[in-house]
Every structure is written in C-alpha cells, then in structure tokens.
Amino acid sequence: MTDLNKKASPVMVYLAFAIVYIVWGSTYFFIQKALAGFPPFALGVIRFFIAGVLMLGWCKFKGEDIFNLKTIKIATVSGILMLGLGNGIVIWVEQFIPSGLVAIMVASAAIWFVILDKSHWKENLSNKYIVSGLIIGFLGVVLLFGNQLLQALDQPQSKLQVIGMVLLVFGPVAWAGGSLYSKYHPTTGSSVSVNTGWQMLMASVAFLPGSLIKAEFKTLDWSGIPLDAWLSIVYLILFGSIAAFSAYVWLLKVRPATQVSTYAYVNPVVAVLLSLTFTNEVIGVTQVIGLAIILGSVLLINLPKYKNA
C-alpha cells in the first residue's frame, strides 16, 4: 500500500468515484450535442486547451511550481495517450457510429487495464472475483446496447464507419496504457492538479494537427454555433475535464487500477439513463438485465476490497 493510499480519505475516494462515474457517463451525451456546432478536432483543441490553462493558472495562483520538466514529460506521454488518442478517437467516431456501439467498445478499457498491468498480473488474474467481474461487466454492456449493436451491424457500413470501428479497438488500449503510465510514473515534484493541467494542455496540442489539416477553424462559422453546443462545451471543460479527469488521475494514485477501471462499465449506464430522461428513447427488458449485470460486476470487482476491510 502506497503512502497516498494510506492518506486517502474514504469519503474523498467515494466522492471521486461518484464524479468519475456520473460526470463521465454524461459526457457521451454532451459530446454529441457539442458536435452539432463544433468540428471534432477543434472541439478537442478548445476543450482541453481552456481546461489545461484554467487548471495550471489556478495552480500558479496558489503558488505552485507549474514548470517542472519531469512532470511535463510524464504528462505529455499520458495526456496524449489518454486524451489525445483515447478520448480523441471517441469524439471523432461519434460522428459516424451510434453512441451505444461506441460505449461497448470503450467499455473494453476495463479489460485492457488487467492485460497491460503486468506488475499486477498474478494478483489480478488469480483473483476469481476480478476476472469474473470484468467478463460479466463487458457482457452486461453488450446486453445494454444489444439492439443498437444489431441495428448498426445489420446496415451497410460506410468506409468511415469501418475505419471508426477499427479505431475503437485501439482507443481503449491507448487510454488504459496512458492511465497505467500515469499511475506508475508519479510526479513527486508536482501536485496532481499540475500534472492534470499539463496532460490536458498536451492533449490539446495532439488535436491541433487534425484541426489544421481539416481547416476546421478556418471554415468554422462561429455565429452559427447553437447555444446547446456552447453550453455543452462549457460543461465538458468544467465538469468533464477539470472535475472528472482530475478525480480520475487522483484515483489512479490512491486505488488499484482494476477498481478505477470500473468507470468503463458504469459510464454507459449513466449515458443510457440520460438518454431515457432527455430523449424519446425507451428501455426494454434486455437493457434492464444489462444494467443489473453491470452493477453486479462492479460489486464483484470490488469484493476483494470489501472482504479485506
């Protein structure tokens, strides 16, 4: 158990999990609304640049050293992998692929955490609760979005949709890899907030080449962006990036990666509940079963922690 783990308040841990579960689950909904006004790469540049500057500006205001070279190097790698590639792929493919199918593919990140976390292979792969929880949770996500998956696969796929599905295989791998890199390369000279700020700032740089190649800022009609898109990008900056991503990076420092990875199963549940609340979508028996299975899998993955307690 690390020093951070000893110092972490249980209340703060539960609060951080709640923020990551609920806020990130809502970002599927708000990303699609933001894409109604902003092109995908420009959305990434604006969202993460503003969030990163605000975060680092706040840290500087508090008197922290924000120009630690080691922190910047580590944040560059993890930020580009997690936000630039992992999150960037999700933003881009949501233009062509139903959010349900995206959620299924993104949920595989929980499994990749175990596969890539070599230092904990023995601990994770020998634990029947963790392994069964991961498998059952993924099956629950498939059940939750089963109808959308069948409809998407039953229709002729365009070239962009096929490319999007291939990219969705690599997105969760990049996210899990970046998360584990961040976890096992602590920035002892800087706070979690400084590290998070640089991760977001470097992610905005990763989005920039795509936006320039597509001339997104040049062709963007600022006056034609609907209010919903503006409000959505503000939400993504303040809550999706600054609040939830900061909570996520902190959780990686104080909790096992397998427990933190359960966000990948809970987020789709929140996304479905939001769709039911704000759209005409209806839920069937299969989806209810999927919801129950997902929540049960999260309990299974966390059962070793409860038993130890």
Protein backbone atom coordinates (compact mmCIF):
# COMPACT_ATOMS: atom_id res chain seq x y z
CA MET A 1 0.00 0.00 0.00
CA THR A 2 1.43 3.37 -1.00
CA ASP A 3 1.66 6.43 1.23
CA LEU A 4 -1.01 8.07 -0.87
CA ASN A 5 -3.27 5.11 -0.30
CA LYS A 6 -2.83 5.43 3.46
CA LYS A 7 -3.60 9.14 3.43
CA ALA A 8 -6.60 8.96 1.10
CA SER A 9 -9.82 9.74 2.94
CA PRO A 10 -12.55 7.12 2.25
CA VAL A 11 -15.03 9.99 1.82
CA MET A 12 -12.80 11.61 -0.82
CA VAL A 13 -12.36 8.25 -2.59
CA TYR A 14 -16.14 7.68 -2.75
CA LEU A 15 -16.70 11.27 -3.91
CA ALA A 16 -14.06 10.92 -6.64
CA PHE A 17 -15.62 7.66 -7.86
CA ALA A 18 -19.06 9.32 -7.92
CA ILE A 19 -17.72 12.21 -10.00
CA VAL A 20 -15.95 9.89 -12.47
CA TYR A 21 -18.94 7.54 -12.73
CA ILE A 22 -21.66 10.17 -13.16
CA VAL A 23 -19.93 13.09 -14.88
CA TRP A 24 -18.01 10.98 -17.39
CA GLY A 25 -21.13 8.98 -18.11
CA SER A 26 -22.83 12.22 -19.10
CA THR A 27 -20.06 13.26 -21.49
CA TYR A 28 -21.28 10.83 -24.21
CA PHE A 29 -24.47 12.89 -24.30
CA PHE A 30 -22.74 16.29 -24.22
CA ILE A 31 -20.06 15.37 -26.78
CA GLN A 32 -22.78 14.59 -29.33
CA LYS A 33 -24.53 17.89 -28.55
CA ALA A 34 -21.23 19.81 -28.85
CA LEU A 35 -20.50 18.14 -32.21
CA ALA A 36 -23.67 19.79 -33.54
CA GLY A 37 -21.72 23.06 -33.53
CA PHE A 38 -18.02 22.24 -33.35
CA PRO A 39 -15.94 20.01 -35.66
CA PRO A 40 -14.30 17.09 -33.77
CA PHE A 41 -10.63 18.14 -33.70
CA ALA A 42 -11.48 21.78 -32.96
CA LEU A 43 -13.69 20.57 -30.11
CA GLY A 44 -10.72 18.70 -28.62
CA VAL A 45 -8.36 21.67 -29.02
CA ILE A 46 -10.78 24.15 -27.43
CA ARG A 47 -11.94 21.85 -24.64
CA PHE A 48 -8.55 20.68 -23.42
CA PHE A 49 -6.64 23.93 -24.05
CA ILE A 50 -9.05 26.02 -21.97
CA ALA A 51 -9.30 23.33 -19.26
CA GLY A 52 -5.50 22.97 -19.10
CA VAL A 53 -4.86 26.73 -18.95
CA LEU A 54 -7.51 27.18 -16.23
CA MET A 55 -6.05 24.32 -14.19
CA LEU A 56 -2.44 25.49 -14.48
CA GLY A 57 -3.46 29.11 -13.91
CA TRP A 58 -5.19 28.13 -10.67
CA CYS A 59 -2.12 26.17 -9.55
CA LYS A 60 0.15 29.14 -10.32
CA PHE A 61 -2.22 31.41 -8.38
CA LYS A 62 -1.80 29.10 -5.38
CA GLY A 63 1.97 29.44 -5.65
CA GLU A 64 2.77 26.01 -7.08
CA ASP A 65 5.67 25.33 -9.42
CA ILE A 66 3.98 24.52 -12.73
CA PHE A 67 7.13 24.28 -14.86
CA ASN A 68 8.62 21.05 -13.54
CA LEU A 69 10.32 19.38 -16.52
CA LYS A 70 9.82 15.82 -15.23
CA THR A 71 6.12 16.46 -14.68
CA ILE A 72 5.73 17.93 -18.18
CA LYS A 73 7.45 14.93 -19.81
CA ILE A 74 5.30 12.37 -17.96
CA ALA A 75 2.13 14.39 -18.53
CA THR A 76 2.91 14.67 -22.24
CA VAL A 77 3.02 10.87 -22.68
CA SER A 78 -0.02 10.09 -20.53
CA GLY A 79 -2.04 13.08 -21.77
CA ILE A 80 -1.55 12.27 -25.45
CA LEU A 81 -2.33 8.56 -24.91
CA MET A 82 -5.42 9.10 -22.74
CA LEU A 83 -6.96 12.31 -24.03
CA GLY A 84 -5.35 12.80 -27.43
CA LEU A 85 -5.79 9.23 -28.68
CA GLY A 86 -8.26 7.55 -26.31
CA ASN A 87 -10.73 10.40 -25.98
CA GLY A 88 -9.95 11.83 -29.42
CA ILE A 89 -10.99 8.61 -31.16
CA VAL A 90 -14.29 8.61 -29.25
CA ILE A 91 -15.03 12.21 -30.30
CA TRP A 92 -14.20 11.53 -33.95
CA VAL A 93 -16.12 8.27 -34.35
CA GLU A 94 -19.29 9.61 -32.68
CA GLN A 95 -19.85 11.50 -35.95
CA PHE A 96 -20.48 8.21 -37.79
CA ILE A 97 -21.19 5.47 -35.23
CA PRO A 98 -24.11 5.19 -32.76
CA SER A 99 -23.11 6.10 -29.21
CA GLY A 100 -24.24 2.67 -28.00
CA LEU A 101 -21.70 0.87 -30.15
CA VAL A 102 -19.05 3.38 -29.07
CA ALA A 103 -19.88 2.69 -25.42
CA ILE A 104 -19.48 -1.07 -25.91
CA MET A 105 -16.05 -0.67 -27.48
CA VAL A 106 -14.91 1.88 -24.88
CA ALA A 107 -16.00 -0.47 -22.06
CA SER A 108 -13.27 -2.88 -23.16
CA ALA A 109 -10.80 -0.49 -21.47
CA ALA A 110 -11.56 -2.21 -18.15
CA ILE A 111 -10.23 -5.48 -19.56
CA TRP A 112 -7.18 -3.79 -21.08
CA PHE A 113 -6.25 -2.43 -17.65
CA VAL A 114 -5.74 -6.01 -16.47
CA ILE A 115 -3.96 -7.14 -19.65
CA LEU A 116 -1.49 -4.22 -19.66
CA ASP A 117 -0.88 -4.02 -15.90
CA LYS A 118 1.95 -6.56 -15.97
CA SER A 119 3.15 -5.83 -12.43
CA HIS A 120 -0.23 -6.99 -11.07
CA TRP A 121 -0.87 -9.95 -13.40
CA LYS A 122 -0.50 -12.52 -10.64
CA GLU A 123 -2.75 -10.60 -8.26
CA ASN A 124 -5.46 -9.75 -10.80
CA LEU A 125 -5.53 -12.87 -12.98
CA SER A 126 -5.59 -15.21 -9.99
CA ASN A 127 -8.50 -13.38 -8.36
CA LYS A 128 -11.74 -15.04 -9.43
CA TYR A 129 -13.84 -12.03 -8.40
CA ILE A 130 -11.86 -9.55 -10.51
CA VAL A 131 -11.68 -11.80 -13.60
CA SER A 132 -15.35 -12.81 -13.48
CA GLY A 133 -16.41 -9.24 -12.73
CA LEU A 134 -14.56 -7.91 -15.79
CA ILE A 135 -16.02 -10.55 -18.12
CA ILE A 136 -19.56 -10.28 -16.74
CA GLY A 137 -19.42 -6.47 -16.85
CA PHE A 138 -18.46 -6.44 -20.52
CA LEU A 139 -21.29 -8.87 -21.33
CA GLY A 140 -23.63 -6.55 -19.44
CA VAL A 141 -22.58 -3.60 -21.62
CA VAL A 142 -23.18 -5.70 -24.75
CA LEU A 143 -26.67 -6.58 -23.47
CA LEU A 144 -27.35 -2.94 -22.60
CA PHE A 145 -26.64 -1.83 -26.16
CA GLY A 146 -27.56 -5.08 -27.90
CA ASN A 147 -30.34 -3.59 -30.03
CA GLN A 148 -28.15 -0.71 -31.21
CA LEU A 149 -25.34 -3.13 -31.96
CA LEU A 150 -27.59 -5.38 -34.09
CA GLN A 151 -29.05 -2.40 -35.96
CA ALA A 152 -25.59 -0.97 -36.66
CA LEU A 153 -24.21 -4.30 -37.91
CA ASP A 154 -27.34 -5.07 -39.95
CA GLN A 155 -26.93 -1.97 -42.12
CA PRO A 156 -24.35 -1.48 -44.87
CA GLN A 157 -21.25 0.07 -43.31
CA SER A 158 -19.66 3.10 -44.93
CA LYS A 159 -15.89 3.33 -45.24
CA LEU A 160 -15.76 5.87 -42.40
CA GLN A 161 -17.81 3.62 -40.11
CA VAL A 162 -15.47 0.68 -40.74
CA ILE A 163 -12.44 2.90 -40.05
CA GLY A 164 -14.18 4.17 -36.90
CA MET A 165 -14.78 0.65 -35.60
CA VAL A 166 -11.14 -0.29 -36.18
CA LEU A 167 -10.01 2.84 -34.34
CA LEU A 168 -12.35 1.99 -31.46
CA VAL A 169 -10.32 -1.17 -30.91
CA PHE A 170 -7.16 0.88 -30.31
CA GLY A 171 -8.73 3.79 -28.38
CA PRO A 172 -9.32 1.83 -25.14
CA VAL A 173 -5.81 0.34 -25.38
CA ALA A 174 -4.31 3.85 -25.58
CA TRP A 175 -6.46 5.04 -22.69
CA ALA A 176 -5.56 2.09 -20.43
CA GLY A 177 -1.88 2.36 -21.38
CA GLY A 178 -1.78 6.10 -20.65
CA SER A 179 -3.60 5.61 -17.36
CA LEU A 180 -1.15 2.94 -16.18
CA TYR A 181 1.81 5.06 -17.31
CA SER A 182 0.45 7.94 -15.23
CA LYS A 183 -0.09 5.64 -12.24
CA TYR A 184 3.39 4.11 -12.25
CA HIS A 185 5.30 7.31 -13.07
CA PRO A 186 4.47 9.55 -10.11
CA THR A 187 5.28 13.25 -10.38
CA THR A 188 6.70 13.72 -6.89
CA GLY A 189 7.75 17.31 -7.55
CA SER A 190 4.27 18.48 -8.54
CA SER A 191 0.67 18.16 -7.39
CA VAL A 192 -1.95 16.04 -9.12
CA SER A 193 -3.56 19.30 -10.33
CA VAL A 194 -0.37 20.44 -12.08
CA ASN A 195 0.04 17.02 -13.69
CA THR A 196 -3.59 17.04 -14.83
CA GLY A 197 -3.28 20.56 -16.24
CA TRP A 198 -0.29 19.60 -18.37
CA GLN A 199 -1.98 16.39 -19.54
CA MET A 200 -4.93 18.40 -20.87
CA LEU A 201 -2.72 21.09 -22.39
CA MET A 202 -0.62 18.49 -24.24
CA ALA A 203 -3.77 16.72 -25.39
CA SER A 204 -4.95 19.98 -26.99
CA VAL A 205 -1.67 20.09 -28.91
CA ALA A 206 -2.30 16.50 -30.09
CA PHE A 207 -5.67 17.58 -31.55
CA LEU A 208 -4.16 20.58 -33.35
CA PRO A 209 -2.67 18.83 -36.44
CA GLY A 210 -6.02 17.23 -37.29
CA SER A 211 -7.86 20.54 -36.97
CA LEU A 212 -5.27 22.28 -39.18
CA ILE A 213 -5.27 19.56 -41.86
CA LYS A 214 -9.09 19.71 -42.00
CA ALA A 215 -9.01 23.55 -41.82
CA GLU A 216 -11.67 23.32 -39.11
CA PHE A 217 -11.04 26.71 -37.51
CA LYS A 218 -10.89 28.41 -40.91
CA THR A 219 -14.27 27.06 -42.01
CA LEU A 220 -15.97 27.20 -38.61
CA ASP A 221 -18.96 29.55 -38.57
CA TRP A 222 -18.75 30.88 -35.01
CA SER A 223 -22.00 32.82 -35.31
CA GLY A 224 -23.85 29.69 -36.42
CA ILE A 225 -22.92 27.56 -33.40
CA PRO A 226 -26.13 26.77 -31.48
CA LEU A 227 -26.46 27.65 -27.79
CA ASP A 228 -26.72 23.95 -26.86
CA ALA A 229 -23.27 23.34 -28.36
CA TRP A 230 -21.76 26.27 -26.42
CA LEU A 231 -23.31 25.09 -23.16
CA SER A 232 -22.14 21.54 -23.86
CA ILE A 233 -18.52 22.56 -24.41
CA VAL A 234 -18.60 24.63 -21.20
CA TYR A 235 -19.88 21.55 -19.35
CA LEU A 236 -17.17 19.37 -20.93
CA ILE A 237 -14.46 21.86 -19.89
CA LEU A 238 -15.56 22.48 -16.30
CA PHE A 239 -17.04 19.13 -15.33
CA GLY A 240 -15.86 16.54 -17.88
CA SER A 241 -12.23 17.74 -17.91
CA ILE A 242 -11.35 19.77 -14.82
CA ALA A 243 -13.56 17.99 -12.24
CA ALA A 244 -13.86 14.41 -13.53
CA PHE A 245 -10.43 13.99 -15.14
CA SER A 246 -8.72 15.42 -12.05
CA ALA A 247 -10.69 12.99 -9.87
CA TYR A 248 -9.71 10.13 -12.20
CA VAL A 249 -5.97 10.93 -12.15
CA TRP A 250 -6.08 11.21 -8.34
CA LEU A 251 -7.90 7.86 -8.04
CA LEU A 252 -5.19 6.20 -10.13
CA LYS A 253 -2.69 7.30 -7.48
CA VAL A 254 -4.64 6.01 -4.47
CA ARG A 255 -6.65 2.98 -5.67
CA PRO A 256 -5.84 -0.21 -7.66
CA ALA A 257 -6.19 0.23 -11.42
CA THR A 258 -8.79 -2.57 -11.66
CA GLN A 259 -11.11 -0.72 -9.29
CA VAL A 260 -10.66 2.61 -11.06
CA SER A 261 -11.31 0.92 -14.41
CA THR A 262 -14.90 0.12 -13.35
CA TYR A 263 -15.81 3.60 -14.65
CA ALA A 264 -15.81 2.00 -18.12
CA TYR A 265 -18.83 -0.12 -17.17
CA VAL A 266 -20.74 2.47 -15.13
CA ASN A 267 -20.39 5.33 -17.64
CA PRO A 268 -22.60 3.63 -20.27
CA VAL A 269 -25.28 3.08 -17.61
CA VAL A 270 -25.34 6.82 -16.89
CA ALA A 271 -25.36 7.55 -20.63
CA VAL A 272 -28.43 5.34 -21.10
CA LEU A 273 -30.26 6.93 -18.16
CA LEU A 274 -29.58 10.39 -19.61
CA SER A 275 -30.91 9.31 -23.00
CA LEU A 276 -34.05 7.96 -21.36
CA THR A 277 -34.52 11.25 -19.49
CA PHE A 278 -33.84 13.74 -22.27
CA THR A 279 -34.80 11.87 -25.46
CA ASN A 280 -37.65 9.67 -26.70
CA GLU A 281 -35.60 6.51 -26.22
CA VAL A 282 -37.30 3.67 -24.32
CA ILE A 283 -35.71 0.85 -22.32
CA GLY A 284 -36.54 -2.85 -22.72
CA VAL A 285 -36.22 -5.89 -20.51
CA THR A 286 -32.86 -6.84 -22.04
CA GLN A 287 -31.44 -3.41 -21.21
CA VAL A 288 -32.70 -3.64 -17.63
CA ILE A 289 -30.96 -7.00 -17.28
CA GLY A 290 -27.80 -5.46 -18.76
CA LEU A 291 -27.94 -2.63 -16.21
CA ALA A 292 -28.29 -5.08 -13.33
CA ILE A 293 -25.43 -7.25 -14.63
CA ILE A 294 -23.11 -4.24 -14.95
CA LEU A 295 -23.78 -3.05 -11.41
CA GLY A 296 -23.27 -6.62 -10.16
CA SER A 297 -19.94 -6.85 -11.97
CA VAL A 298 -18.70 -3.65 -10.31
CA LEU A 299 -19.54 -5.17 -6.92
CA LEU A 300 -17.66 -8.34 -7.89
CA ILE A 301 -14.54 -6.43 -8.93
CA ASN A 302 -14.58 -4.52 -5.64
CA LEU A 303 -15.43 -7.56 -3.50
CA PRO A 304 -11.80 -8.32 -2.55
CA LYS A 305 -11.52 -4.81 -1.14
CA TYR A 306 -14.73 -5.22 0.87
CA LYS A 307 -13.60 -8.63 2.20
CA ASN A 308 -10.23 -7.22 3.27
CA ALA A 309 -11.96 -4.32 5.01
